Amino acid sequence: MDIVGLLIQIVVAIIFVAPILWIVGRSLAGKDKAKFTDAIWIVVLGIVIGTVLGWFIGGIISSIIMFFVWLGLIKHFFDCGWLKAFAIAVVAVIIFMVIAFVLALIGIGIGLGLGVLSF
């Protein structure tokens, strides 16, 4: 496990993924339930847990487990149900992919290898 790579992944995800997750969470879960610090915690914990789990288990099993870990983190921090957590996750991933595609079109690559997209 490369600690420098993990820290870089966390910083990049906080910069690019947390704001998207926060905006989608505010729109679907409500302003009072989805705080920006909650989005940061979701991203940091999701990446750290995903890295550790991938290191120990790896493969498709860790991806399936991480899918539910991400949903659980969204559910817990944004104080919503499983279905709303799933909707937040799907919309956030779609928005992130659209932004990454547009940035790639204009020549700016942010790297889609983030642990967030592993589910």
Protein backbone atom coordinates (compact mmCIF):
# COMPACT_ATOMS: atom_id res chain seq x y z
CA MET A 1 0.00 0.00 0.00
CA ASP A 2 1.53 3.27 -1.16
CA ILE A 3 0.75 5.99 1.40
CA VAL A 4 1.78 8.86 -0.89
CA GLY A 5 -0.50 7.56 -3.66
CA LEU A 6 -3.33 7.20 -1.15
CA LEU A 7 -2.87 10.78 0.07
CA ILE A 8 -2.81 12.13 -3.49
CA GLN A 9 -5.97 10.17 -4.30
CA ILE A 10 -7.69 11.58 -1.20
CA VAL A 11 -6.72 15.18 -2.01
CA VAL A 12 -7.82 14.88 -5.65
CA ALA A 13 -11.11 13.26 -4.61
CA ILE A 14 -11.76 15.99 -2.04
CA ILE A 15 -11.19 18.63 -4.71
CA PHE A 16 -13.22 17.02 -7.50
CA VAL A 17 -15.65 14.49 -5.99
CA ALA A 18 -16.67 15.99 -2.64
CA PRO A 19 -18.23 19.16 -4.13
CA ILE A 20 -20.26 17.10 -6.62
CA LEU A 21 -21.38 14.71 -3.89
CA TRP A 22 -22.29 17.65 -1.66
CA ILE A 23 -24.34 19.44 -4.33
CA VAL A 24 -26.22 16.27 -5.28
CA GLY A 25 -26.73 15.43 -1.61
CA ARG A 26 -28.12 18.89 -0.89
CA SER A 27 -30.53 18.64 -3.79
CA LEU A 28 -31.77 15.14 -2.99
CA ALA A 29 -31.38 14.81 0.79
CA GLY A 30 -31.90 18.44 1.78
CA LYS A 31 -29.79 21.41 2.78
CA ASP A 32 -29.85 20.64 6.48
CA LYS A 33 -28.80 16.99 6.06
CA ALA A 34 -26.00 17.24 3.50
CA LYS A 35 -23.10 19.32 4.78
CA PHE A 36 -19.88 19.84 2.85
CA THR A 37 -17.85 18.33 5.70
CA ASP A 38 -20.06 15.23 5.45
CA ALA A 39 -19.18 14.93 1.77
CA ILE A 40 -15.50 15.19 2.63
CA TRP A 41 -15.85 12.45 5.26
CA ILE A 42 -17.68 10.22 2.79
CA VAL A 43 -14.91 10.64 0.23
CA VAL A 44 -12.02 10.17 2.68
CA LEU A 45 -13.52 7.15 4.44
CA GLY A 46 -14.64 5.60 1.16
CA ILE A 47 -11.17 5.86 -0.35
CA VAL A 48 -9.36 4.63 2.77
CA ILE A 49 -11.75 1.71 3.32
CA GLY A 50 -11.66 0.87 -0.39
CA THR A 51 -7.86 0.88 -0.45
CA VAL A 52 -7.55 -1.32 2.61
CA LEU A 53 -10.27 -3.69 1.42
CA GLY A 54 -8.77 -3.87 -2.05
CA TRP A 55 -5.39 -4.64 -0.57
CA PHE A 56 -6.71 -7.50 1.56
CA ILE A 57 -9.44 -8.96 -0.66
CA GLY A 58 -9.14 -7.47 -4.14
CA GLY A 59 -11.11 -8.34 -7.23
CA ILE A 60 -14.84 -8.25 -7.85
CA ILE A 61 -15.72 -9.14 -4.25
CA SER A 62 -14.10 -5.99 -2.88
CA SER A 63 -15.88 -3.92 -5.56
CA ILE A 64 -19.25 -5.35 -4.53
CA ILE A 65 -18.50 -4.74 -0.86
CA MET A 66 -17.32 -1.20 -1.62
CA PHE A 67 -20.54 -0.47 -3.48
CA PHE A 68 -22.44 -1.08 -0.26
CA VAL A 69 -19.83 0.72 1.85
CA TRP A 70 -20.22 3.86 -0.31
CA LEU A 71 -24.00 3.63 -0.06
CA GLY A 72 -23.74 3.12 3.70
CA LEU A 73 -21.47 6.16 4.05
CA ILE A 74 -23.86 8.32 2.03
CA LYS A 75 -26.83 6.97 4.00
CA HIS A 76 -25.14 7.64 7.34
CA PHE A 77 -23.64 11.07 6.71
CA PHE A 78 -26.52 12.50 4.66
CA ASP A 79 -29.12 10.94 6.98
CA CYS A 80 -31.24 9.34 4.26
CA GLY A 81 -32.53 5.93 3.26
CA TRP A 82 -30.85 3.33 1.09
CA LEU A 83 -32.83 4.27 -2.02
CA LYS A 84 -32.02 7.96 -1.69
CA ALA A 85 -28.36 7.09 -1.02
CA PHE A 86 -28.36 5.04 -4.22
CA ALA A 87 -29.92 7.93 -6.15
CA ILE A 88 -27.33 10.36 -4.76
CA ALA A 89 -24.50 8.00 -5.73
CA VAL A 90 -25.80 7.44 -9.26
CA VAL A 91 -26.43 11.13 -9.96
CA ALA A 92 -23.04 12.12 -8.50
CA VAL A 93 -21.22 9.55 -10.65
CA ILE A 94 -23.08 10.68 -13.78
CA ILE A 95 -22.31 14.35 -13.10
CA PHE A 96 -18.66 13.54 -12.36
CA MET A 97 -18.36 11.58 -15.61
CA VAL A 98 -19.94 14.41 -17.62
CA ILE A 99 -17.57 16.96 -16.08
CA ALA A 100 -14.57 14.67 -16.66
CA PHE A 101 -15.65 14.17 -20.29
CA VAL A 102 -16.03 17.92 -20.88
CA LEU A 103 -12.65 18.59 -19.27
CA ALA A 104 -11.09 15.88 -21.43
CA LEU A 105 -12.59 17.51 -24.53
CA ILE A 106 -10.89 20.78 -23.72
CA GLY A 107 -7.63 19.00 -22.91
CA ILE A 108 -7.67 18.85 -19.15
CA GLY A 109 -7.48 15.35 -17.71
CA ILE A 110 -8.25 14.74 -14.05
CA GLY A 111 -7.85 10.98 -14.13
CA LEU A 112 -10.81 8.68 -13.85
CA GLY A 113 -8.85 6.21 -11.74
CA LEU A 114 -10.36 7.51 -8.52
CA GLY A 115 -11.54 4.93 -6.03
CA VAL A 116 -14.92 6.60 -6.06
CA LEU A 117 -15.69 5.19 -9.48
CA SER A 118 -14.96 1.64 -8.40
CA PHE A 119 -18.61 1.04 -7.69
